[in-house]
N, C-alpha and C. Protein backbone atom coordinates (compact mmCIF):
# COMPACT_ATOMS: atom_id res chain seq x y z
N UNK A 1 19.67 -12.88 4.41
CA UNK A 1 19.48 -12.68 5.82
C UNK A 1 20.06 -13.87 6.55
N UNK A 2 20.73 -13.60 7.67
CA UNK A 2 21.23 -14.68 8.50
C UNK A 2 20.74 -14.48 9.94
N UNK A 3 20.62 -15.59 10.64
CA UNK A 3 20.32 -15.58 12.07
C UNK A 3 21.46 -16.33 12.75
N UNK A 4 22.16 -15.64 13.62
CA UNK A 4 23.31 -16.23 14.31
C UNK A 4 24.31 -16.86 13.33
N UNK A 5 24.52 -16.19 12.20
CA UNK A 5 25.50 -16.63 11.22
C UNK A 5 25.04 -17.72 10.27
N UNK A 6 23.79 -18.17 10.40
CA UNK A 6 23.26 -19.24 9.55
C UNK A 6 22.27 -18.65 8.54
N UNK A 7 22.29 -19.09 7.28
CA UNK A 7 21.33 -18.58 6.29
C UNK A 7 19.90 -18.78 6.79
N UNK A 8 19.08 -17.73 6.64
CA UNK A 8 17.72 -17.80 7.17
C UNK A 8 16.66 -17.34 6.18
N UNK A 9 17.04 -16.99 4.98
CA UNK A 9 16.04 -16.56 4.01
C UNK A 9 16.51 -15.37 3.22
N UNK A 10 15.68 -14.96 2.30
CA UNK A 10 16.02 -13.86 1.40
C UNK A 10 14.86 -12.88 1.37
N UNK A 11 15.19 -11.61 1.42
CA UNK A 11 14.18 -10.56 1.29
C UNK A 11 14.27 -10.08 -0.15
N UNK A 12 13.17 -10.21 -0.88
CA UNK A 12 13.19 -9.78 -2.28
C UNK A 12 12.00 -8.87 -2.56
N UNK A 13 11.84 -8.54 -3.80
CA UNK A 13 10.79 -7.63 -4.27
C UNK A 13 10.88 -6.26 -3.58
N UNK A 14 12.10 -5.78 -3.42
CA UNK A 14 12.28 -4.45 -2.83
C UNK A 14 11.90 -3.38 -3.85
N UNK A 15 11.29 -2.33 -3.38
CA UNK A 15 10.84 -1.26 -4.26
C UNK A 15 11.87 -0.13 -4.27
N UNK A 16 12.13 0.41 -5.43
CA UNK A 16 13.04 1.55 -5.55
C UNK A 16 12.24 2.84 -5.50
N UNK A 17 12.22 3.50 -4.35
CA UNK A 17 11.43 4.72 -4.22
C UNK A 17 12.29 5.98 -4.13
N UNK A 18 13.60 5.86 -4.30
CA UNK A 18 14.54 6.98 -4.33
C UNK A 18 14.70 7.66 -2.97
N UNK A 19 14.20 7.09 -1.89
CA UNK A 19 14.35 7.72 -0.57
C UNK A 19 15.81 7.80 -0.16
N UNK A 20 16.61 6.78 -0.45
CA UNK A 20 18.02 6.80 -0.08
C UNK A 20 18.79 7.80 -0.96
N UNK A 21 18.55 7.76 -2.24
CA UNK A 21 19.29 8.63 -3.17
C UNK A 21 19.02 10.11 -2.90
N UNK A 22 17.85 10.42 -2.44
CA UNK A 22 17.49 11.82 -2.22
C UNK A 22 17.56 12.22 -0.76
N UNK A 23 18.10 11.36 0.08
CA UNK A 23 18.22 11.64 1.52
C UNK A 23 16.87 12.04 2.10
N UNK A 24 15.88 11.32 1.72
CA UNK A 24 14.50 11.66 2.05
C UNK A 24 14.08 11.08 3.40
N UNK A 25 13.10 11.70 4.00
CA UNK A 25 12.50 11.14 5.21
C UNK A 25 11.21 10.41 4.87
N UNK A 26 10.88 10.39 3.60
CA UNK A 26 9.66 9.71 3.17
C UNK A 26 9.99 8.69 2.10
N UNK A 27 9.34 7.57 2.20
CA UNK A 27 9.50 6.53 1.19
C UNK A 27 8.22 5.72 1.14
N UNK A 28 8.20 4.72 0.32
CA UNK A 28 7.05 3.84 0.25
C UNK A 28 7.12 2.84 1.39
N UNK A 29 6.02 2.69 2.12
CA UNK A 29 5.99 1.73 3.22
C UNK A 29 5.52 0.40 2.68
N UNK A 30 6.23 -0.63 3.03
CA UNK A 30 5.77 -1.98 2.73
C UNK A 30 6.39 -2.94 3.72
N UNK A 31 5.76 -4.08 3.85
CA UNK A 31 6.19 -5.08 4.81
C UNK A 31 6.62 -6.34 4.07
N UNK A 32 7.68 -6.95 4.54
CA UNK A 32 8.15 -8.21 3.97
C UNK A 32 8.21 -9.24 5.10
N UNK A 33 7.84 -10.45 4.78
CA UNK A 33 7.87 -11.53 5.76
C UNK A 33 8.88 -12.57 5.33
N UNK A 34 9.73 -12.96 6.25
CA UNK A 34 10.71 -14.01 6.00
C UNK A 34 10.49 -15.07 7.08
N UNK A 35 10.24 -16.27 6.66
CA UNK A 35 10.01 -17.37 7.58
C UNK A 35 11.29 -18.18 7.70
N UNK A 36 11.68 -18.48 8.94
CA UNK A 36 12.86 -19.32 9.14
C UNK A 36 12.60 -20.24 10.32
N UNK A 37 13.37 -21.32 10.39
CA UNK A 37 13.20 -22.33 11.43
C UNK A 37 13.69 -21.78 12.77
N UNK A 38 12.88 -21.94 13.79
CA UNK A 38 13.20 -21.41 15.12
C UNK A 38 14.43 -22.07 15.74
N UNK A 39 14.89 -23.20 15.20
CA UNK A 39 16.10 -23.83 15.75
C UNK A 39 17.34 -22.95 15.54
N UNK A 40 17.23 -21.94 14.67
CA UNK A 40 18.35 -21.01 14.48
C UNK A 40 18.52 -20.08 15.67
N UNK A 41 17.49 -19.97 16.49
CA UNK A 41 17.54 -19.09 17.66
C UNK A 41 18.13 -19.85 18.84
N UNK A 42 18.75 -19.11 19.74
CA UNK A 42 19.35 -19.71 20.93
C UNK A 42 18.92 -18.92 22.15
N UNK A 43 19.02 -19.48 23.33
CA UNK A 43 18.70 -18.71 24.54
C UNK A 43 19.63 -17.51 24.65
N UNK A 44 19.12 -16.41 25.14
CA UNK A 44 19.94 -15.21 25.29
C UNK A 44 19.94 -14.36 24.03
N UNK A 45 21.06 -13.72 23.76
CA UNK A 45 21.17 -12.81 22.62
C UNK A 45 21.26 -13.57 21.31
N UNK A 46 20.61 -13.03 20.28
CA UNK A 46 20.66 -13.56 18.92
C UNK A 46 21.02 -12.42 17.99
N UNK A 47 21.63 -12.75 16.85
CA UNK A 47 22.03 -11.72 15.89
C UNK A 47 21.32 -11.97 14.56
N UNK A 48 20.57 -10.98 14.10
CA UNK A 48 19.90 -11.00 12.80
C UNK A 48 20.68 -10.06 11.90
N UNK A 49 21.16 -10.55 10.76
CA UNK A 49 21.95 -9.74 9.83
C UNK A 49 21.21 -9.62 8.51
N UNK A 50 20.99 -8.38 8.08
CA UNK A 50 20.41 -8.11 6.77
C UNK A 50 21.55 -7.68 5.87
N UNK A 51 21.74 -8.35 4.75
CA UNK A 51 22.81 -8.02 3.81
C UNK A 51 22.20 -7.46 2.54
N UNK A 52 22.72 -6.34 2.10
CA UNK A 52 22.24 -5.69 0.89
C UNK A 52 23.18 -6.07 -0.25
N UNK A 53 22.63 -6.56 -1.37
CA UNK A 53 23.48 -6.92 -2.50
C UNK A 53 24.28 -5.71 -3.00
N UNK A 54 25.46 -5.97 -3.54
CA UNK A 54 26.27 -4.88 -4.05
C UNK A 54 25.55 -4.20 -5.21
N UNK A 55 25.88 -2.98 -5.41
CA UNK A 55 25.25 -2.19 -6.47
C UNK A 55 25.55 -0.73 -6.27
N UNK A 56 24.71 0.14 -6.80
CA UNK A 56 24.95 1.58 -6.66
C UNK A 56 24.89 2.01 -5.19
N UNK A 57 25.43 3.19 -4.89
CA UNK A 57 25.48 3.68 -3.51
C UNK A 57 24.09 3.86 -2.89
N UNK A 58 23.07 3.96 -3.72
CA UNK A 58 21.73 4.12 -3.19
C UNK A 58 21.00 2.78 -3.03
N UNK A 59 21.73 1.67 -3.13
CA UNK A 59 21.17 0.35 -2.88
C UNK A 59 21.07 0.18 -1.37
N UNK A 60 19.91 -0.10 -0.86
CA UNK A 60 19.80 -0.30 0.58
C UNK A 60 18.36 -0.43 1.04
N UNK A 61 18.21 -0.47 2.34
CA UNK A 61 16.91 -0.60 2.98
C UNK A 61 16.86 0.38 4.14
N UNK A 62 15.77 1.10 4.24
CA UNK A 62 15.52 1.94 5.40
C UNK A 62 14.41 1.25 6.17
N UNK A 63 14.61 1.04 7.46
CA UNK A 63 13.57 0.36 8.22
C UNK A 63 13.36 1.04 9.56
N UNK A 64 12.14 0.91 10.05
CA UNK A 64 11.79 1.46 11.36
C UNK A 64 11.95 0.41 12.45
N UNK A 65 11.59 -0.81 12.14
CA UNK A 65 11.72 -1.87 13.13
C UNK A 65 11.70 -3.23 12.46
N UNK A 66 12.18 -4.21 13.18
CA UNK A 66 12.14 -5.61 12.76
C UNK A 66 11.35 -6.33 13.84
N UNK A 67 10.35 -7.06 13.44
CA UNK A 67 9.48 -7.76 14.40
C UNK A 67 9.70 -9.25 14.28
N UNK A 68 9.84 -9.91 15.41
CA UNK A 68 9.99 -11.35 15.45
C UNK A 68 8.74 -11.95 16.06
N UNK A 69 8.11 -12.85 15.33
CA UNK A 69 6.90 -13.50 15.80
C UNK A 69 7.08 -15.01 15.72
N UNK A 70 6.43 -15.71 16.62
CA UNK A 70 6.45 -17.16 16.62
C UNK A 70 5.12 -17.67 16.11
N UNK A 71 5.16 -18.50 15.08
CA UNK A 71 3.95 -19.12 14.54
C UNK A 71 3.69 -20.40 15.33
N UNK A 72 2.69 -20.36 16.18
CA UNK A 72 2.40 -21.50 17.03
C UNK A 72 1.28 -22.40 16.48
N UNK A 73 0.90 -22.14 15.23
CA UNK A 73 -0.13 -22.99 14.62
C UNK A 73 0.45 -24.36 14.32
N UNK A 74 -0.39 -25.39 14.37
CA UNK A 74 0.14 -26.74 14.09
C UNK A 74 0.66 -26.83 12.65
N UNK A 75 1.74 -27.55 12.49
CA UNK A 75 2.32 -27.73 11.15
C UNK A 75 1.39 -28.59 10.31
N UNK A 76 1.29 -28.23 9.04
CA UNK A 76 0.45 -29.03 8.12
C UNK A 76 1.23 -30.27 7.68
N UNK A 77 0.56 -31.41 7.59
CA UNK A 77 1.26 -32.60 7.11
C UNK A 77 1.67 -32.45 5.66
N UNK A 78 2.82 -33.00 5.27
CA UNK A 78 3.27 -32.90 3.87
C UNK A 78 2.31 -33.62 2.94
N UNK A 79 2.22 -33.09 1.74
CA UNK A 79 1.45 -33.82 0.75
C UNK A 79 0.38 -33.07 0.18
């Protein structure tokens, strides 16, 4: 995954539910969280790119929405 062309994390543990291969309208619902540094964002428009690794034609992701949230909790000190 990239944000404005900069690496921003990796989405893994994807489930193979055959929804793409069978042209299905139903699949397994699950949520993935990717945390990235807010400095990758800029005022105005931003571009989030999801890249699917090469593989069979049914390799992919079906999604309904992508949600962006800001974690405003204080950062924990290292250690």
